[in-house]
């Protein structure tokens, strides 16, 4: 299984920034066989799908994307701002599994 030729493989390697490990991400994974990733701000759904299929050799059913604005926070006297985050919920086809915990099966 290889990525479609219309995407640059170097770009696909950078699209997925990190997996999201949280209670919500775990509940979504158990309930609907979906995995959550932080992705680049300008990543498209098709790029995300191609990147997951290329890196993990699984079949993707669909991709949902959420943009979260960064919070404004105080650091002593100065006011700062956290970065905006783009998250992708990648739903896998039935029978597909993606283990991000690093445990050997």
Protein backbone atom coordinates (compact mmCIF):
# COMPACT_ATOMS: atom_id res chain seq x y z
CA UNK A 1 0.00 0.00 0.00
CA UNK A 2 1.57 3.28 -1.05
CA UNK A 3 0.58 6.92 -0.95
CA UNK A 4 -1.09 8.45 -3.99
CA UNK A 5 1.41 9.98 -6.39
CA UNK A 6 -0.10 13.45 -6.12
CA UNK A 7 1.41 13.98 -2.63
CA UNK A 8 5.09 14.57 -1.90
CA UNK A 9 6.30 11.86 0.47
CA UNK A 10 8.55 14.32 2.35
CA UNK A 11 5.53 16.54 3.03
CA UNK A 12 3.47 13.55 4.22
CA UNK A 13 6.17 12.68 6.74
CA UNK A 14 5.73 16.14 8.32
CA UNK A 15 1.91 16.39 8.29
CA UNK A 16 1.39 14.40 11.51
CA UNK A 17 2.95 16.36 14.39
CA UNK A 18 2.08 14.15 17.38
CA UNK A 19 -0.58 11.78 18.67
CA UNK A 20 -3.05 13.28 21.15
CA UNK A 21 -3.14 11.38 24.45
CA UNK A 22 -6.12 12.45 26.55
CA UNK A 23 -9.28 11.04 28.09
CA UNK A 24 -11.38 12.25 25.18
CA UNK A 25 -9.00 10.79 22.59
CA UNK A 26 -9.06 7.43 24.42
CA UNK A 27 -12.87 7.40 24.58
CA UNK A 28 -13.13 8.22 20.87
CA UNK A 29 -10.62 5.47 20.06
CA UNK A 30 -12.59 2.86 21.99
CA UNK A 31 -16.03 3.97 20.79
CA UNK A 32 -15.52 4.60 17.08
CA UNK A 33 -12.13 3.06 16.18
CA UNK A 34 -10.58 6.50 15.63
CA UNK A 35 -7.12 7.87 16.42
CA UNK A 36 -6.40 11.53 17.22
CA UNK A 37 -3.35 13.44 15.94
CA UNK A 38 -2.06 17.00 16.11
CA UNK A 39 -1.39 18.05 12.52
CA UNK A 40 0.11 21.00 10.65
CA UNK A 41 -2.11 24.10 10.42
CA UNK A 42 -2.26 23.92 6.62
CA UNK A 43 -2.76 20.14 6.33
CA UNK A 44 -5.76 18.99 4.31
CA UNK A 45 -7.96 15.97 5.02
CA UNK A 46 -6.60 14.16 1.96
CA UNK A 47 -3.00 14.78 3.07
CA UNK A 48 -3.77 13.53 6.58
CA UNK A 49 -5.40 10.37 5.20
CA UNK A 50 -2.45 9.70 2.88
CA UNK A 51 0.07 10.33 5.70
CA UNK A 52 -1.63 7.90 8.11
CA UNK A 53 -1.92 5.22 5.42
CA UNK A 54 1.74 5.69 4.45
CA UNK A 55 3.21 5.75 7.97
CA UNK A 56 1.10 3.08 9.69
CA UNK A 57 0.01 0.82 6.78
CA UNK A 58 -3.68 0.93 7.77
CA UNK A 59 -6.81 1.75 5.77
CA UNK A 60 -8.55 5.02 6.69
CA UNK A 61 -12.34 5.33 6.52
CA UNK A 62 -12.55 9.08 7.14
CA UNK A 63 -10.90 12.17 8.60
CA UNK A 64 -12.49 14.92 10.71
CA UNK A 65 -10.53 18.08 11.51
CA UNK A 66 -10.92 20.52 14.43
CA UNK A 67 -9.19 23.89 14.79
CA UNK A 68 -8.71 24.98 18.43
CA UNK A 69 -7.72 28.56 19.20
CA UNK A 70 -4.85 29.02 21.67
CA UNK A 71 -5.71 30.35 25.12
CA UNK A 72 -4.50 33.71 26.38
CA UNK A 73 -2.42 33.18 29.52
CA UNK A 74 -0.55 35.36 31.99
CA UNK A 75 3.09 34.74 32.76
CA UNK A 76 3.79 37.06 35.69
CA UNK A 77 3.27 40.59 34.39
CA UNK A 78 3.25 39.75 30.73
CA UNK A 79 0.38 38.28 28.79
CA UNK A 80 1.16 35.46 26.41
CA UNK A 81 -0.77 33.20 24.12
CA UNK A 82 -0.66 29.49 23.50
CA UNK A 83 -0.38 28.25 19.93
CA UNK A 84 -3.43 27.38 17.88
CA UNK A 85 -3.85 23.62 17.43
CA UNK A 86 -5.31 21.64 14.52
CA UNK A 87 -6.43 18.14 15.48
CA UNK A 88 -7.43 15.32 13.16
CA UNK A 89 -9.72 12.48 14.19
CA UNK A 90 -8.81 9.63 11.84
CA UNK A 91 -11.44 6.87 11.67
CA UNK A 92 -10.07 3.48 10.63
CA UNK A 93 -11.92 0.89 8.57
CA UNK A 94 -13.33 -2.12 10.47
CA UNK A 95 -10.66 -4.67 11.31
CA UNK A 96 -7.86 -2.07 11.21
CA UNK A 97 -5.93 -1.28 14.38
CA UNK A 98 -3.33 1.34 15.26
CA UNK A 99 -1.33 0.95 18.48
CA UNK A 100 0.40 4.17 19.58
CA UNK A 101 1.23 3.06 23.13
CA UNK A 102 4.51 1.48 22.07
CA UNK A 103 3.72 -1.83 23.79
CA UNK A 104 4.81 -4.98 22.01
CA UNK A 105 1.92 -7.29 21.23
